[in-house]
């Protein structure tokens, strides 16, 4: 049985299908308690650098530049990326993020990176 990696806003209600819930943002999301988040792991080390995050600011026009720089950062953070991959070997994993935009955020790029790494 193949495991699944999915994305979800941390503000959405946790569900059994989430599997292992990993927050992949550097900053704790506003307005949510640690209990309500029902996290298995907060992997802030895998998030984009502060400078890159602030520059991007979820601007769709900057997505390609953000992806290019964030992928380079992820290449330097393989020990943290591998933690996600290891958990996904036997469990479904949900990467959680706080951004309002479901298409233009670091979790989308991270999931793509992980899937591409698995195809190497």
C-alpha atoms as a PDB file:
ATOM      1  CA  UNK A   1       0.000   0.000   0.000  1.00  0.00           C
ATOM      2  CA  UNK A   2       1.455   3.340  -1.086  1.00  0.00           C
ATOM      3  CA  UNK A   3       1.562   6.144   1.439  1.00  0.00           C
ATOM      4  CA  UNK A   4       0.154   9.541   0.638  1.00  0.00           C
ATOM      5  CA  UNK A   5       1.602  12.981   1.265  1.00  0.00           C
ATOM      6  CA  UNK A   6      -1.060  15.654   1.299  1.00  0.00           C
ATOM      7  CA  UNK A   7      -1.300  19.342   2.093  1.00  0.00           C
ATOM      8  CA  UNK A   8      -3.681  21.053   4.463  1.00  0.00           C
ATOM      9  CA  UNK A   9      -4.111  24.413   6.123  1.00  0.00           C
ATOM     10  CA  UNK A  10      -3.474  24.116   9.815  1.00  0.00           C
ATOM     11  CA  UNK A  11      -6.760  25.942  10.416  1.00  0.00           C
ATOM     12  CA  UNK A  12      -8.718  23.093   8.805  1.00  0.00           C
ATOM     13  CA  UNK A  13     -10.110  20.487  11.143  1.00  0.00           C
ATOM     14  CA  UNK A  14      -7.781  17.517  11.753  1.00  0.00           C
ATOM     15  CA  UNK A  15      -9.021  14.191  10.427  1.00  0.00           C
ATOM     16  CA  UNK A  16      -8.035  10.548  10.714  1.00  0.00           C
ATOM     17  CA  UNK A  17      -6.929  10.563   7.056  1.00  0.00           C
ATOM     18  CA  UNK A  18      -4.215  13.113   7.862  1.00  0.00           C
ATOM     19  CA  UNK A  19      -1.871  10.469   9.198  1.00  0.00           C
ATOM     20  CA  UNK A  20       1.224  12.137  10.628  1.00  0.00           C
ATOM     21  CA  UNK A  21       0.651  15.901  10.850  1.00  0.00           C
ATOM     22  CA  UNK A  22       3.768  18.017  10.271  1.00  0.00           C
ATOM     23  CA  UNK A  23       3.756  21.811  10.428  1.00  0.00           C
ATOM     24  CA  UNK A  24       6.297  23.100   7.873  1.00  0.00           C
ATOM     25  CA  UNK A  25       6.167  26.830   8.670  1.00  0.00           C
ATOM     26  CA  UNK A  26       8.875  28.689  10.549  1.00  0.00           C
ATOM     27  CA  UNK A  27       6.401  30.788  12.546  1.00  0.00           C
ATOM     28  CA  UNK A  28       3.646  29.418  14.750  1.00  0.00           C
ATOM     29  CA  UNK A  29       0.244  30.145  13.127  1.00  0.00           C
ATOM     30  CA  UNK A  30      -1.783  32.920  14.712  1.00  0.00           C
ATOM     31  CA  UNK A  31      -4.915  32.072  16.592  1.00  0.00           C
ATOM     32  CA  UNK A  32      -4.399  28.333  16.971  1.00  0.00           C
ATOM     33  CA  UNK A  33      -3.403  26.535  20.133  1.00  0.00           C
ATOM     34  CA  UNK A  34      -0.894  23.709  20.161  1.00  0.00           C
ATOM     35  CA  UNK A  35      -3.640  21.378  21.417  1.00  0.00           C
ATOM     36  CA  UNK A  36      -6.042  22.311  18.634  1.00  0.00           C
ATOM     37  CA  UNK A  37      -3.323  21.869  16.002  1.00  0.00           C
ATOM     38  CA  UNK A  38      -2.929  18.185  16.896  1.00  0.00           C
ATOM     39  CA  UNK A  39       0.624  18.132  15.531  1.00  0.00           C
ATOM     40  CA  UNK A  40       2.923  15.168  15.482  1.00  0.00           C
ATOM     41  CA  UNK A  41       5.857  17.360  14.540  1.00  0.00           C
ATOM     42  CA  UNK A  42       6.792  20.995  13.950  1.00  0.00           C
ATOM     43  CA  UNK A  43       9.601  20.957  11.418  1.00  0.00           C
ATOM     44  CA  UNK A  44      10.360  24.675  11.190  1.00  0.00           C
ATOM     45  CA  UNK A  45      13.887  23.947   9.937  1.00  0.00           C
ATOM     46  CA  UNK A  46      12.490  22.890   6.558  1.00  0.00           C
ATOM     47  CA  UNK A  47      10.708  26.229   6.058  1.00  0.00           C
ATOM     48  CA  UNK A  48      12.130  28.907   3.764  1.00  0.00           C
ATOM     49  CA  UNK A  49      14.621  31.374   5.226  1.00  0.00           C
ATOM     50  CA  UNK A  50      13.171  34.523   6.757  1.00  0.00           C
ATOM     51  CA  UNK A  51      14.524  36.678   3.935  1.00  0.00           C
ATOM     52  CA  UNK A  52      13.016  34.443   1.240  1.00  0.00           C
ATOM     53  CA  UNK A  53       9.683  34.138   3.055  1.00  0.00           C
ATOM     54  CA  UNK A  54       9.392  37.904   3.478  1.00  0.00           C
ATOM     55  CA  UNK A  55      10.423  38.596  -0.117  1.00  0.00           C
ATOM     56  CA  UNK A  56       7.918  36.101  -1.537  1.00  0.00           C
ATOM     57  CA  UNK A  57       5.004  37.211   0.642  1.00  0.00           C
ATOM     58  CA  UNK A  58       2.750  34.705  -1.230  1.00  0.00           C
ATOM     59  CA  UNK A  59       2.819  36.863  -4.361  1.00  0.00           C
ATOM     60  CA  UNK A  60       1.879  34.610  -7.316  1.00  0.00           C
ATOM     61  CA  UNK A  61       4.046  36.765  -9.594  1.00  0.00           C
ATOM     62  CA  UNK A  62       7.113  35.812  -7.544  1.00  0.00           C
ATOM     63  CA  UNK A  63       6.369  32.076  -7.422  1.00  0.00           C
ATOM     64  CA  UNK A  64       8.992  30.967  -9.940  1.00  0.00           C
ATOM     65  CA  UNK A  65      11.744  32.977  -8.231  1.00  0.00           C
ATOM     66  CA  UNK A  66      10.587  31.710  -4.845  1.00  0.00           C
ATOM     67  CA  UNK A  67      10.613  28.100  -6.045  1.00  0.00           C
ATOM     68  CA  UNK A  68      14.083  28.442  -7.533  1.00  0.00           C
ATOM     69  CA  UNK A  69      15.551  29.846  -4.304  1.00  0.00           C
ATOM     70  CA  UNK A  70      13.583  27.602  -1.954  1.00  0.00           C
ATOM     71  CA  UNK A  71      14.592  24.456  -3.856  1.00  0.00           C
ATOM     72  CA  UNK A  72      18.231  25.491  -3.443  1.00  0.00           C
ATOM     73  CA  UNK A  73      17.613  25.967   0.279  1.00  0.00           C
ATOM     74  CA  UNK A  74      15.994  22.534   0.481  1.00  0.00           C
ATOM     75  CA  UNK A  75      19.090  21.019  -1.137  1.00  0.00           C
ATOM     76  CA  UNK A  76      20.966  22.307   1.918  1.00  0.00           C
ATOM     77  CA  UNK A  77      18.372  20.928   4.355  1.00  0.00           C
ATOM     78  CA  UNK A  78      18.332  17.292   3.314  1.00  0.00           C
ATOM     79  CA  UNK A  79      18.475  15.997   6.904  1.00  0.00           C
ATOM     80  CA  UNK A  80      15.137  17.705   7.605  1.00  0.00           C
ATOM     81  CA  UNK A  81      13.545  16.739   4.295  1.00  0.00           C
ATOM     82  CA  UNK A  82      14.612  13.162   5.011  1.00  0.00           C
ATOM     83  CA  UNK A  83      12.684  13.269   8.292  1.00  0.00           C
ATOM     84  CA  UNK A  84       9.483  13.814   6.318  1.00  0.00           C
ATOM     85  CA  UNK A  85      10.407  11.103   3.812  1.00  0.00           C
ATOM     86  CA  UNK A  86      11.157   8.607   6.587  1.00  0.00           C
ATOM     87  CA  UNK A  87       7.765   9.197   8.198  1.00  0.00           C
ATOM     88  CA  UNK A  88       6.072   8.801   4.821  1.00  0.00           C
ATOM     89  CA  UNK A  89       7.615   5.370   4.277  1.00  0.00           C
ATOM     90  CA  UNK A  90       5.048   3.675   6.520  1.00  0.00           C
ATOM     91  CA  UNK A  91       2.415   6.351   7.150  1.00  0.00           C
ATOM     92  CA  UNK A  92       0.358   8.912   5.332  1.00  0.00           C
ATOM     93  CA  UNK A  93       1.711  12.392   6.015  1.00  0.00           C
ATOM     94  CA  UNK A  94      -0.001  15.759   5.935  1.00  0.00           C
ATOM     95  CA  UNK A  95       2.168  18.839   5.526  1.00  0.00           C
ATOM     96  CA  UNK A  96       0.484  21.686   7.356  1.00  0.00           C
ATOM     97  CA  UNK A  97       0.844  25.368   6.530  1.00  0.00           C
ATOM     98  CA  UNK A  98      -0.826  28.588   7.673  1.00  0.00           C
ATOM     99  CA  UNK A  99      -0.912  30.547   4.399  1.00  0.00           C
ATOM    100  CA  UNK A 100      -4.337  31.542   3.094  1.00  0.00           C
ATOM    101  CA  UNK A 101      -3.292  30.790  -0.459  1.00  0.00           C
ATOM    102  CA  UNK A 102      -3.495  27.058  -1.127  1.00  0.00           C
ATOM    103  CA  UNK A 103      -1.466  27.208  -4.375  1.00  0.00           C
ATOM    104  CA  UNK A 104       1.319  29.664  -3.585  1.00  0.00           C
ATOM    105  CA  UNK A 105       3.053  28.570  -0.407  1.00  0.00           C
ATOM    106  CA  UNK A 106       6.149  26.742   0.762  1.00  0.00           C
ATOM    107  CA  UNK A 107       4.302  23.491   1.546  1.00  0.00           C
ATOM    108  CA  UNK A 108       3.356  23.088  -2.134  1.00  0.00           C
ATOM    109  CA  UNK A 109       6.990  23.486  -3.184  1.00  0.00           C
ATOM    110  CA  UNK A 110       8.184  21.176  -0.401  1.00  0.00           C
ATOM    111  CA  UNK A 111       5.741  18.436  -1.398  1.00  0.00           C
ATOM    112  CA  UNK A 112       6.860  18.716  -5.037  1.00  0.00           C
ATOM    113  CA  UNK A 113      10.501  18.527  -3.900  1.00  0.00           C
ATOM    114  CA  UNK A 114       9.830  15.400  -1.836  1.00  0.00           C
ATOM    115  CA  UNK A 115       7.975  13.694  -4.665  1.00  0.00           C
ATOM    116  CA  UNK A 116      10.762  14.512  -7.130  1.00  0.00           C
ATOM    117  CA  UNK A 117      13.367  13.264  -4.677  1.00  0.00           C
ATOM    118  CA  UNK A 118      11.495   9.967  -4.461  1.00  0.00           C
ATOM    119  CA  UNK A 119      11.701   9.617  -8.251  1.00  0.00           C
ATOM    120  CA  UNK A 120      15.491  10.001  -8.319  1.00  0.00           C
END
